[in-house]
């Protein structure tokens, strides 16, 4: 039997419907397949709807309606110009409008990387819309009531920590200029294929050393040249500013979520991360998960899965495992 990994990107595309939906003042590109309860997939950086290609095919075959948008600023979705347009409230507003357009009362939610963070906000702001949440890579962002998010990261890792480096505005163009120098293909390949643990650090002018200093010429078995080409074709058109603007809103999100300080997530949650994930292996995340802090903040947390030998992009590296984890969890509800 043919597995999703055996399919070419063209064959994947042919099985999936694409449309544009007007949400919250922007046009959002949505990839969709299947009939049944809705599973809403949220991608991260530097990703697109396409990072969920394996899960879309597999879960649509198992009786689910899989919906995967390009988030604002990515791919074929509009990219508003102002940095402030990418704060958590605007992005969650897009998703609430998207869910309403699907004419369903609730969805199953799956998020990875920035999609995971936005997923936590969606569960915090509009829990009644979410039946259950499968979260990949990024645990709940507990809010420090006195120190803004980027300030605490800078105190921990210094100015060369990648999130601190990403703060430079696009007008200053510092990070975008460095990315342009190495090219979209290098940026996407460098980040998606990394297996480097711990905090990504890169001094100014040394973008190429940040995520994957030992990048190999050959792609890993789970990422084809056609897959990479699809990502690259979109980022060559859009650039990376839309995605970087999410990072530039960390402190704004901290400020705006003051009313939710100490809020608990009661939506049923399953969390999955690779043991080599740079998020899991930095910012005290491992301790936060193992010490019980995560469960304290997320009373709805039902399962934590740490995948041995797996890195950050686990939905692409271990597609069958992730699909089965999602399926086994959402069938309970």
Protein backbone atom coordinates (compact mmCIF):
# COMPACT_ATOMS: atom_id res chain seq x y z
CA UNK A 1 0.00 0.00 0.00
CA UNK A 2 1.30 3.45 -0.89
CA UNK A 3 2.21 5.61 2.09
CA UNK A 4 2.18 9.43 2.16
CA UNK A 5 6.01 9.47 1.98
CA UNK A 6 5.83 7.63 -1.38
CA UNK A 7 3.68 10.32 -2.96
CA UNK A 8 5.19 13.15 -4.98
CA UNK A 9 4.28 16.72 -4.07
CA UNK A 10 2.21 16.89 -7.29
CA UNK A 11 0.16 13.85 -6.24
CA UNK A 12 -0.32 15.33 -2.78
CA UNK A 13 -1.58 18.57 -4.33
CA UNK A 14 -4.02 16.76 -6.61
CA UNK A 15 -5.82 15.21 -3.66
CA UNK A 16 -6.26 18.46 -1.75
CA UNK A 17 -8.67 21.32 -2.44
CA UNK A 18 -7.45 24.90 -2.18
CA UNK A 19 -9.55 27.98 -1.64
CA UNK A 20 -9.35 31.52 -0.34
CA UNK A 21 -11.52 32.52 2.61
CA UNK A 22 -12.17 36.09 3.73
CA UNK A 23 -11.41 36.23 7.46
CA UNK A 24 -10.92 39.16 9.83
CA UNK A 25 -10.14 41.62 7.01
CA UNK A 26 -7.67 39.42 5.10
CA UNK A 27 -7.84 36.68 2.47
CA UNK A 28 -6.62 33.36 3.89
CA UNK A 29 -5.45 30.45 1.76
CA UNK A 30 -6.83 27.14 3.04
CA UNK A 31 -5.96 23.59 2.02
CA UNK A 32 -8.70 21.07 2.75
CA UNK A 33 -9.53 17.41 2.31
CA UNK A 34 -12.10 14.96 3.65
CA UNK A 35 -15.54 14.88 5.27
CA UNK A 36 -16.44 14.55 8.93
CA UNK A 37 -15.38 16.27 12.16
CA UNK A 38 -12.98 19.14 11.47
CA UNK A 39 -9.29 18.90 12.36
CA UNK A 40 -7.69 22.36 12.12
CA UNK A 41 -3.91 22.33 11.57
CA UNK A 42 -1.71 25.35 12.43
CA UNK A 43 1.84 25.51 11.06
CA UNK A 44 4.91 27.33 12.35
CA UNK A 45 8.05 29.02 10.97
CA UNK A 46 9.41 28.65 8.31
CA UNK A 47 6.48 26.46 7.37
CA UNK A 48 3.21 26.49 5.46
CA UNK A 49 0.00 24.43 5.31
CA UNK A 50 2.18 21.95 3.39
CA UNK A 51 4.00 20.83 6.55
CA UNK A 52 0.80 18.91 7.42
CA UNK A 53 0.63 17.10 4.04
CA UNK A 54 1.02 13.62 5.55
CA UNK A 55 -1.55 14.15 8.30
CA UNK A 56 -4.07 15.70 5.89
CA UNK A 57 -3.96 12.66 3.61
CA UNK A 58 -4.01 10.07 6.39
CA UNK A 59 -6.70 11.61 8.61
CA UNK A 60 -8.99 12.53 5.72
CA UNK A 61 -8.91 8.83 4.83
CA UNK A 62 -9.99 8.02 8.40
CA UNK A 63 -13.15 10.12 8.33
CA UNK A 64 -12.01 13.63 9.21
CA UNK A 65 -12.28 16.96 7.43
CA UNK A 66 -8.72 18.29 7.50
CA UNK A 67 -8.31 22.06 7.21
CA UNK A 68 -4.84 23.63 7.04
CA UNK A 69 -4.49 27.37 6.41
CA UNK A 70 -1.41 29.38 5.58
CA UNK A 71 -1.36 31.71 8.59
CA UNK A 72 -1.33 35.46 7.93
CA UNK A 73 2.01 36.53 6.47
CA UNK A 74 2.73 33.09 5.01
CA UNK A 75 2.34 31.47 1.60
CA UNK A 76 -0.78 32.46 -0.31
CA UNK A 77 -2.48 34.23 2.60
CA UNK A 78 -2.38 38.03 2.78
CA UNK A 79 0.54 39.64 4.60
CA UNK A 80 -0.46 42.92 6.25
CA UNK A 81 2.36 45.47 6.31
CA UNK A 82 2.44 46.54 9.96
CA UNK A 83 4.30 44.50 12.59
CA UNK A 84 1.41 44.95 15.01
CA UNK A 85 -0.90 43.08 12.60
CA UNK A 86 0.81 39.86 13.73
CA UNK A 87 -0.01 39.94 17.43
CA UNK A 88 -1.80 36.95 18.92
CA UNK A 89 -5.20 38.61 18.96
CA UNK A 90 -5.20 39.31 15.22
CA UNK A 91 -4.03 35.78 14.39
CA UNK A 92 -6.58 34.17 16.72
CA UNK A 93 -9.20 36.47 15.17
CA UNK A 94 -8.37 34.98 11.76
CA UNK A 95 -8.86 31.47 13.10
CA UNK A 96 -12.13 32.21 14.88
CA UNK A 97 -13.49 33.63 11.60
CA UNK A 98 -12.18 30.57 9.72
CA UNK A 99 -13.89 28.19 12.17
CA UNK A 100 -17.14 30.15 11.84
CA UNK A 101 -16.86 29.95 8.04
CA UNK A 102 -16.71 26.14 8.31
CA UNK A 103 -20.15 26.24 9.99
CA UNK A 104 -19.16 23.96 12.85
CA UNK A 105 -19.43 24.57 16.58
CA UNK A 106 -16.10 22.99 17.52
CA UNK A 107 -12.90 21.70 15.94
CA UNK A 108 -10.06 19.43 16.91
CA UNK A 109 -6.93 21.58 16.98
CA UNK A 110 -3.38 20.55 16.04
CA UNK A 111 -0.51 23.05 16.22
CA UNK A 112 3.27 23.04 15.76
CA UNK A 113 5.88 25.72 16.60
CA UNK A 114 4.19 29.16 16.18
CA UNK A 115 1.01 27.26 15.34
CA UNK A 116 1.32 25.63 18.77
CA UNK A 117 1.67 29.02 20.50
CA UNK A 118 -1.30 30.41 18.59
CA UNK A 119 -3.15 27.20 19.50
CA UNK A 120 -2.59 27.92 23.20
CA UNK A 121 -4.00 31.42 22.73
CA UNK A 122 -7.01 30.01 20.90
CA UNK A 123 -7.62 27.56 23.79
CA UNK A 124 -7.20 30.39 26.28
CA UNK A 125 -9.40 32.99 24.54
CA UNK A 126 -12.09 30.75 22.97
CA UNK A 127 -11.99 27.32 24.68
CA UNK A 128 -15.58 26.54 23.72
CA UNK A 129 -14.47 26.23 20.07
CA UNK A 130 -11.93 23.48 20.75
CA UNK A 131 -12.91 19.83 21.37
CA UNK A 132 -9.32 18.76 22.05
CA UNK A 133 -5.83 20.06 21.29
CA UNK A 134 -2.82 18.08 20.06
CA UNK A 135 0.18 20.35 20.62
CA UNK A 136 3.58 19.70 19.03
CA UNK A 137 6.89 21.08 20.30
CA UNK A 138 5.89 24.20 22.27
CA UNK A 139 4.39 23.80 25.77
CA UNK A 140 2.01 26.32 27.29
CA UNK A 141 3.69 29.77 27.54
CA UNK A 142 3.35 30.50 31.28
CA UNK A 143 3.24 34.30 31.64
CA UNK A 144 5.76 35.94 33.95
CA UNK A 145 3.70 38.78 35.47
CA UNK A 146 6.69 41.14 35.85
CA UNK A 147 9.15 40.43 33.00
CA UNK A 148 8.29 40.69 29.28
CA UNK A 149 8.99 37.53 27.28
CA UNK A 150 11.91 38.75 25.14
CA UNK A 151 13.51 40.49 28.13
CA UNK A 152 13.59 37.19 30.04
CA UNK A 153 15.03 35.38 26.98
CA UNK A 154 17.71 38.06 26.62
CA UNK A 155 18.61 37.75 30.29
CA UNK A 156 18.98 33.99 29.85
CA UNK A 157 20.81 33.76 26.51
CA UNK A 158 21.98 37.27 25.51
CA UNK A 159 21.41 39.45 22.46
CA UNK A 160 22.52 36.75 20.01
CA UNK A 161 19.71 34.34 20.94
CA UNK A 162 17.74 33.91 17.71
CA UNK A 163 14.47 35.37 19.05
CA UNK A 164 16.34 38.46 20.29
CA UNK A 165 18.02 38.78 16.89
CA UNK A 166 14.65 38.48 15.13
CA UNK A 167 13.38 41.59 16.99
CA UNK A 168 15.04 44.06 14.58
CA UNK A 169 12.24 45.59 12.54
CA UNK A 170 11.96 44.90 8.84
CA UNK A 171 12.68 48.59 8.17
CA UNK A 172 16.07 48.04 9.78
CA UNK A 173 16.14 44.87 7.72
CA UNK A 174 18.91 43.25 9.71
CA UNK A 175 17.73 39.64 9.78
CA UNK A 176 15.94 39.82 6.44
CA UNK A 177 19.16 41.10 4.84
CA UNK A 178 21.15 38.20 6.29
CA UNK A 179 18.53 35.73 5.10
CA UNK A 180 18.53 37.30 1.64
CA UNK A 181 22.30 36.91 1.52
CA UNK A 182 22.15 33.12 1.95
CA UNK A 183 18.85 32.68 0.03
CA UNK A 184 15.43 31.20 0.79
CA UNK A 185 16.46 27.61 0.04
CA UNK A 186 19.35 27.78 2.49
CA UNK A 187 17.18 29.34 5.22
CA UNK A 188 14.36 26.78 4.93
CA UNK A 189 16.67 23.77 4.60
CA UNK A 190 18.93 24.99 7.42
CA UNK A 191 16.07 25.31 9.90
CA UNK A 192 13.90 22.33 8.93
CA UNK A 193 16.74 19.79 8.86
CA UNK A 194 18.54 20.85 12.05
CA UNK A 195 19.15 18.36 14.83
CA UNK A 196 21.09 20.80 17.00
CA UNK A 197 19.78 20.88 20.56
CA UNK A 198 19.75 23.83 22.93
CA UNK A 199 19.16 27.51 22.21
CA UNK A 200 19.92 28.70 18.65
CA UNK A 201 22.53 31.46 18.95
CA UNK A 202 23.98 33.49 16.10
CA UNK A 203 26.14 36.60 16.24
CA UNK A 204 25.34 39.44 13.83
CA UNK A 205 26.35 38.65 10.28
CA UNK A 206 26.56 34.93 10.96
CA UNK A 207 23.04 33.78 10.14
CA UNK A 208 24.27 30.53 8.61
CA UNK A 209 25.63 29.29 11.95
CA UNK A 210 22.38 29.70 13.86
CA UNK A 211 20.22 26.65 13.54
CA UNK A 212 22.23 24.03 11.74
CA UNK A 213 25.98 24.72 11.50
CA UNK A 214 26.59 21.15 10.33
CA UNK A 215 23.99 21.19 7.55
CA UNK A 216 24.51 18.35 5.11
CA UNK A 217 24.14 18.67 1.37
CA UNK A 218 21.80 15.67 1.16
CA UNK A 219 18.27 16.00 2.49
CA UNK A 220 17.02 13.63 5.20
CA UNK A 221 14.84 10.73 3.99
CA UNK A 222 11.67 12.40 5.26
CA UNK A 223 12.09 15.62 3.20
CA UNK A 224 12.18 15.31 -0.59
CA UNK A 225 13.66 17.82 -3.00
CA UNK A 226 10.09 18.47 -4.22
CA UNK A 227 8.95 19.20 -0.66
CA UNK A 228 11.77 21.65 -0.14
CA UNK A 229 11.08 23.24 -3.54
CA UNK A 230 7.45 23.89 -2.58
CA UNK A 231 8.42 25.72 0.62
CA UNK A 232 11.16 27.66 -1.16
CA UNK A 233 8.89 28.72 -4.04
CA UNK A 234 6.52 30.40 -1.59
CA UNK A 235 9.19 32.08 0.57
CA UNK A 236 10.98 33.36 -2.54
CA UNK A 237 7.73 35.18 -3.36
CA UNK A 238 6.83 36.44 0.11
CA UNK A 239 10.16 36.74 1.89
CA UNK A 240 10.37 35.96 5.61
CA UNK A 241 9.08 39.23 7.12
CA UNK A 242 5.56 37.92 7.77
CA UNK A 243 6.90 34.99 9.79
CA UNK A 244 9.50 37.12 11.60
CA UNK A 245 6.76 39.56 12.64
CA UNK A 246 5.29 36.84 14.90
CA UNK A 247 8.56 36.91 16.89
CA UNK A 248 8.46 40.72 16.92
CA UNK A 249 5.15 40.50 18.81
CA UNK A 250 6.38 38.38 21.75
CA UNK A 251 6.51 41.40 24.06
CA UNK A 252 3.28 42.87 22.67
CA UNK A 253 1.55 39.52 23.29
CA UNK A 254 2.96 39.54 26.82
CA UNK A 255 1.48 43.00 27.36
CA UNK A 256 -1.92 42.19 25.84
CA UNK A 257 -2.36 38.90 27.74
CA UNK A 258 -2.07 40.52 31.19
CA UNK A 259 -5.77 39.76 31.86
CA UNK A 260 -4.99 36.05 31.38
CA UNK A 261 -2.07 35.94 33.82
CA UNK A 262 -2.43 32.70 35.76
CA UNK A 263 -5.16 31.39 33.44
CA UNK A 264 -5.54 27.61 33.24
CA UNK A 265 -6.16 25.60 30.06
CA UNK A 266 -8.97 23.12 30.63
CA UNK A 267 -9.33 21.92 27.03
CA UNK A 268 -8.18 18.25 26.75
CA UNK A 269 -4.55 18.34 25.57
CA UNK A 270 -1.97 15.87 24.27
CA UNK A 271 1.61 17.18 23.98
CA UNK A 272 4.28 15.67 21.71
CA UNK A 273 7.91 16.77 21.30
CA UNK A 274 11.13 15.27 20.01
CA UNK A 275 13.92 14.79 22.54
CA UNK A 276 16.29 16.66 20.17
CA UNK A 277 13.90 19.61 19.73
CA UNK A 278 15.65 22.94 20.35
CA UNK A 279 12.54 24.20 22.17
CA UNK A 280 12.34 21.15 24.46
CA UNK A 281 16.07 21.46 25.20
CA UNK A 282 16.13 25.20 26.05
CA UNK A 283 14.29 27.85 28.08
CA UNK A 284 13.85 25.40 30.96
CA UNK A 285 11.09 23.62 29.02
CA UNK A 286 12.16 20.09 29.96
CA UNK A 287 12.08 20.97 33.65
CA UNK A 288 8.76 22.81 33.25
CA UNK A 289 7.22 19.67 31.74
CA UNK A 290 8.79 17.14 34.13
CA UNK A 291 8.37 19.17 37.34
CA UNK A 292 4.59 19.36 37.04
CA UNK A 293 4.44 23.06 36.13
CA UNK A 294 2.97 22.24 32.73
CA UNK A 295 0.19 20.14 34.25
CA UNK A 296 -0.48 22.86 36.82
CA UNK A 297 -1.03 25.44 34.06
CA UNK A 298 -2.89 22.98 31.82
CA UNK A 299 -5.24 20.89 34.01
CA UNK A 300 -6.60 19.42 30.74
CA UNK A 301 -3.20 17.90 29.91
CA UNK A 302 -3.82 14.17 29.45
CA UNK A 303 -0.66 12.87 27.76
CA UNK A 304 2.96 13.93 27.23
CA UNK A 305 4.94 12.07 24.56
CA UNK A 306 8.69 12.64 24.14
CA UNK A 307 9.95 10.99 20.95
CA UNK A 308 13.47 9.50 21.23
CA UNK A 309 15.93 10.67 18.58
CA UNK A 310 13.44 13.08 16.96
CA UNK A 311 14.03 16.81 16.38
CA UNK A 312 11.79 19.90 16.11
CA UNK A 313 9.83 19.22 12.89
CA UNK A 314 8.31 15.99 14.19
CA UNK A 315 5.15 16.22 12.08
CA UNK A 316 7.36 15.84 9.00
CA UNK A 317 10.15 13.66 10.41
CA UNK A 318 7.81 11.05 11.94
CA UNK A 319 4.55 11.55 10.02
CA UNK A 320 3.01 8.13 10.79
CA UNK A 321 3.72 8.43 14.53
CA UNK A 322 2.26 11.92 14.70
CA UNK A 323 -0.80 10.93 12.66
CA UNK A 324 -1.44 7.95 14.95
CA UNK A 325 -0.95 10.04 18.09
CA UNK A 326 -3.47 12.58 16.78
CA UNK A 327 -5.95 9.92 15.71
CA UNK A 328 -5.73 7.92 18.94
CA UNK A 329 -6.36 11.06 20.98
CA UNK A 330 -9.16 12.70 19.01
CA UNK A 331 -11.15 9.46 18.68
CA UNK A 332 -11.72 9.65 22.46
CA UNK A 333 -14.02 12.67 22.07
